[in-house]
């Protein structure tokens, strides 16, 4: 989305004039609605009865909370909802996303849990990656106004620990794109995202697993999106 905004700015000068900053979340991927529908089936709520479905909040990360008519409420904690990465049911495009880290933005915000998952609710700590002068001005203004409190610096190695699934995916993207190409599907051209370099860091066996897996799924129609 942010790359699209950059592209539009090349054709329309209003974008850079009116867009103060480009902000992103470090994104684990967008789950299909089937994930939510499965939860409703498990707890016996029909979609027409639901008055609220909240994935996070009321804490950090807070529970997934479902409210339904008649005052019914169901909650499940973050790990119960998301610990099994195989059950995220991500949109196809997310599995090939070359920029889940928001490198095209001025500021990216990420969960900051050692090992990649929370052990309990915390006080609302997040990591931020400030990439541009515009992002730095915005962060400094937020600190000055009291809307943001900056803690300790975070190293790239710590971010790797906070976001291990991002590390795995970033290394796998090149092989997965090769698999799409081998299956005769459109693929992506990327610039300055180190996709090929990181793909080359995989050993041959790991690269082939990712490549052949993507090819097999594509030929089976799994990527019809």
Protein backbone atom coordinates (compact mmCIF):
# COMPACT_ATOMS: atom_id res chain seq x y z
CA UNK A 1 0.00 0.00 0.00
CA UNK A 2 2.77 2.45 0.87
CA UNK A 3 4.64 1.60 -2.32
CA UNK A 4 1.44 2.44 -4.21
CA UNK A 5 1.33 5.82 -2.46
CA UNK A 6 4.92 6.45 -3.55
CA UNK A 7 3.96 5.52 -7.10
CA UNK A 8 0.99 7.87 -7.06
CA UNK A 9 3.23 10.68 -5.78
CA UNK A 10 5.26 10.46 -8.98
CA UNK A 11 2.14 11.29 -10.98
CA UNK A 12 0.31 13.60 -8.56
CA UNK A 13 2.15 16.34 -6.66
CA UNK A 14 -0.67 16.62 -4.14
CA UNK A 15 0.47 13.41 -2.45
CA UNK A 16 3.77 14.77 -1.14
CA UNK A 17 2.11 18.08 -0.28
CA UNK A 18 -0.76 16.57 1.73
CA UNK A 19 0.76 13.35 3.06
CA UNK A 20 2.63 14.29 6.23
CA UNK A 21 4.15 10.84 6.73
CA UNK A 22 3.77 7.27 5.55
CA UNK A 23 3.27 4.88 8.45
CA UNK A 24 3.13 1.09 8.48
CA UNK A 25 2.87 -1.82 10.84
CA UNK A 26 5.34 -4.67 10.59
CA UNK A 27 2.76 -7.11 9.30
CA UNK A 28 2.51 -10.81 10.02
CA UNK A 29 -0.08 -11.12 7.27
CA UNK A 30 -3.81 -10.71 6.82
CA UNK A 31 -5.90 -13.68 7.88
CA UNK A 32 -8.84 -14.64 5.75
CA UNK A 33 -12.28 -14.28 7.30
CA UNK A 34 -12.39 -18.07 7.46
CA UNK A 35 -10.20 -17.78 10.58
CA UNK A 36 -12.87 -15.70 12.30
CA UNK A 37 -15.68 -17.89 10.99
CA UNK A 38 -13.94 -20.93 12.47
CA UNK A 39 -13.91 -19.24 15.89
CA UNK A 40 -17.64 -18.53 15.63
CA UNK A 41 -18.31 -22.15 14.73
CA UNK A 42 -16.27 -23.35 17.70
CA UNK A 43 -18.17 -21.21 20.20
CA UNK A 44 -21.57 -21.63 18.58
CA UNK A 45 -22.29 -18.02 17.60
CA UNK A 46 -23.86 -17.24 14.25
CA UNK A 47 -22.44 -14.33 12.28
CA UNK A 48 -25.76 -12.47 12.40
CA UNK A 49 -25.68 -12.55 16.21
CA UNK A 50 -22.23 -10.97 16.55
CA UNK A 51 -22.15 -7.36 17.74
CA UNK A 52 -18.35 -7.08 18.18
CA UNK A 53 -15.33 -9.09 17.03
CA UNK A 54 -12.09 -7.62 18.36
CA UNK A 55 -8.79 -9.33 17.66
CA UNK A 56 -6.62 -7.30 20.03
CA UNK A 57 -6.90 -4.46 22.49
CA UNK A 58 -7.98 -4.05 26.12
CA UNK A 59 -4.35 -4.78 26.92
CA UNK A 60 -1.22 -5.52 24.91
CA UNK A 61 -1.85 -7.74 23.08
CA UNK A 62 -5.14 -8.28 24.89
CA UNK A 63 -7.60 -11.06 24.12
CA UNK A 64 -9.65 -11.80 21.06
CA UNK A 65 -13.14 -10.84 22.19
CA UNK A 66 -16.45 -11.77 20.61
CA UNK A 67 -19.72 -10.23 21.81
CA UNK A 68 -23.12 -11.41 20.66
CA UNK A 69 -26.76 -10.67 21.26
CA UNK A 70 -28.15 -11.62 24.63
CA UNK A 71 -25.07 -10.37 26.46
CA UNK A 72 -22.93 -13.35 25.45
CA UNK A 73 -19.15 -12.83 25.53
CA UNK A 74 -16.30 -15.11 24.54
CA UNK A 75 -12.60 -14.35 24.99
CA UNK A 76 -9.46 -16.27 24.12
CA UNK A 77 -5.92 -15.13 24.75
CA UNK A 78 -3.45 -14.17 22.05
CA UNK A 79 -1.49 -17.43 22.05
CA UNK A 80 -4.63 -19.54 21.90
CA UNK A 81 -5.65 -17.57 18.82
CA UNK A 82 -2.32 -17.14 17.04
CA UNK A 83 0.41 -19.41 18.47
CA UNK A 84 0.06 -21.95 15.66
CA UNK A 85 1.44 -20.11 12.62
CA UNK A 86 0.14 -22.89 10.34
CA UNK A 87 -3.39 -21.93 11.38
CA UNK A 88 -3.18 -18.25 10.51
CA UNK A 89 -4.93 -18.90 7.16
CA UNK A 90 -3.16 -16.00 5.46
CA UNK A 91 -4.16 -14.41 2.20
CA UNK A 92 -2.06 -15.75 -0.66
CA UNK A 93 -0.38 -12.41 -1.38
CA UNK A 94 0.94 -12.27 2.19
CA UNK A 95 2.99 -15.42 1.66
CA UNK A 96 4.93 -13.67 -1.11
CA UNK A 97 5.06 -10.17 0.38
CA UNK A 98 8.58 -8.76 -0.06
CA UNK A 99 8.04 -5.82 2.31
CA UNK A 100 6.22 -6.97 5.44
CA UNK A 101 8.71 -4.81 7.36
CA UNK A 102 7.35 -1.60 5.86
CA UNK A 103 10.64 -0.50 4.34
CA UNK A 104 8.85 1.92 2.03
CA UNK A 105 7.48 3.91 4.98
CA UNK A 106 8.76 6.75 7.12
CA UNK A 107 8.06 4.89 10.36
CA UNK A 108 7.23 1.22 10.97
CA UNK A 109 5.83 -0.14 14.25
CA UNK A 110 6.33 -3.73 15.38
CA UNK A 111 5.40 -5.98 18.27
CA UNK A 112 8.40 -6.37 20.56
CA UNK A 113 8.10 -9.76 22.22
CA UNK A 114 11.28 -11.77 22.84
CA UNK A 115 11.02 -15.00 20.89
CA UNK A 116 8.19 -13.61 18.78
CA UNK A 117 5.26 -14.22 21.13
CA UNK A 118 3.93 -12.64 24.33
CA UNK A 119 4.03 -14.47 27.63
CA UNK A 120 1.48 -12.12 29.20
CA UNK A 121 0.01 -8.66 28.67
CA UNK A 122 2.58 -5.88 28.98
CA UNK A 123 2.36 -2.12 29.34
CA UNK A 124 2.08 -1.44 25.63
CA UNK A 125 5.68 -1.55 24.44
CA UNK A 126 6.34 -1.60 20.73
CA UNK A 127 9.43 -1.28 18.58
CA UNK A 128 9.56 1.46 15.98
CA UNK A 129 11.85 1.72 12.97
CA UNK A 130 12.42 5.31 11.85
CA UNK A 131 13.58 5.29 8.24
CA UNK A 132 13.45 8.88 6.98
CA UNK A 133 13.92 12.48 8.06
CA UNK A 134 10.13 12.95 7.86
CA UNK A 135 9.69 9.99 10.18
CA UNK A 136 12.24 11.35 12.60
CA UNK A 137 10.48 14.73 12.71
CA UNK A 138 7.15 13.03 13.40
CA UNK A 139 8.54 10.84 16.18
CA UNK A 140 10.35 13.77 17.80
CA UNK A 141 7.15 15.84 17.69
CA UNK A 142 5.19 13.00 19.30
CA UNK A 143 7.78 12.70 22.06
CA UNK A 144 7.78 16.47 22.65
CA UNK A 145 3.98 16.55 22.87
CA UNK A 146 3.92 13.64 25.32
CA UNK A 147 2.03 11.27 23.01
CA UNK A 148 5.00 8.91 22.73
CA UNK A 149 7.56 7.77 25.29
CA UNK A 150 10.80 6.46 23.80
CA UNK A 151 12.61 3.69 25.64
CA UNK A 152 15.87 1.91 24.95
CA UNK A 153 17.37 1.56 21.45
CA UNK A 154 16.58 -1.73 19.70
CA UNK A 155 19.21 -3.47 17.60
CA UNK A 156 18.60 -5.37 14.34
CA UNK A 157 19.48 -8.58 16.21
CA UNK A 158 16.77 -7.86 18.77
CA UNK A 159 14.25 -7.22 15.99
CA UNK A 160 15.17 -10.61 14.52
CA UNK A 161 14.30 -12.14 17.88
CA UNK A 162 11.08 -10.13 18.20
CA UNK A 163 9.94 -11.06 14.66
CA UNK A 164 11.33 -14.53 13.85
CA UNK A 165 8.55 -15.34 11.36
CA UNK A 166 9.50 -12.22 9.41
CA UNK A 167 13.09 -13.44 9.23
CA UNK A 168 11.94 -16.81 7.90
CA UNK A 169 9.65 -15.27 5.31
CA UNK A 170 12.15 -12.68 4.12
CA UNK A 171 14.64 -15.46 3.44
CA UNK A 172 11.98 -17.57 1.71
CA UNK A 173 10.44 -14.98 -0.64
CA UNK A 174 12.97 -15.44 -3.47
CA UNK A 175 12.45 -19.21 -3.54
CA UNK A 176 8.68 -18.86 -3.38
CA UNK A 177 8.71 -16.43 -6.29
CA UNK A 178 10.80 -18.92 -8.26
CA UNK A 179 8.14 -21.52 -7.52
CA UNK A 180 5.43 -19.26 -8.90
CA UNK A 181 7.47 -18.68 -12.04
CA UNK A 182 8.08 -22.41 -12.46
CA UNK A 183 4.33 -22.95 -12.25
CA UNK A 184 3.75 -20.39 -15.02
CA UNK A 185 2.16 -17.75 -12.79
CA UNK A 186 2.99 -14.02 -12.65
CA UNK A 187 5.68 -13.08 -10.19
CA UNK A 188 7.14 -9.88 -8.69
CA UNK A 189 10.02 -7.58 -9.52
CA UNK A 190 11.47 -6.02 -6.37
CA UNK A 191 13.92 -3.18 -5.88
CA UNK A 192 16.14 -2.49 -2.86
CA UNK A 193 14.44 -5.11 -0.68
CA UNK A 194 17.38 -7.60 -0.68
CA UNK A 195 15.09 -10.45 -1.73
CA UNK A 196 17.65 -12.20 -3.93
CA UNK A 197 20.50 -11.65 -1.46
CA UNK A 198 18.53 -13.10 1.45
CA UNK A 199 17.27 -15.96 -0.68
CA UNK A 200 20.87 -16.83 -1.53
CA UNK A 201 21.58 -17.14 2.20
CA UNK A 202 19.34 -20.24 2.40
CA UNK A 203 21.08 -23.56 1.96
CA UNK A 204 20.21 -25.47 -1.20
CA UNK A 205 17.84 -27.88 0.54
CA UNK A 206 15.86 -25.13 2.26
CA UNK A 207 15.63 -23.10 -0.95
CA UNK A 208 14.35 -26.13 -2.86
CA UNK A 209 11.74 -26.89 -0.19
CA UNK A 210 10.34 -23.37 -0.44
CA UNK A 211 10.52 -23.32 -4.25
CA UNK A 212 8.96 -26.72 -4.83
CA UNK A 213 6.32 -26.10 -2.17
CA UNK A 214 5.21 -22.91 -3.87
CA UNK A 215 5.21 -24.59 -7.29
CA UNK A 216 3.16 -27.53 -6.04
CA UNK A 217 0.59 -25.31 -4.35
CA UNK A 218 0.35 -23.07 -7.41
CA UNK A 219 -0.24 -26.01 -9.76
CA UNK A 220 -2.88 -27.36 -7.37
CA UNK A 221 -4.80 -24.07 -7.64
CA UNK A 222 -4.04 -22.97 -4.10
CA UNK A 223 -2.94 -19.54 -5.32
CA UNK A 224 -5.96 -18.73 -7.47
CA UNK A 225 -6.31 -15.34 -5.73
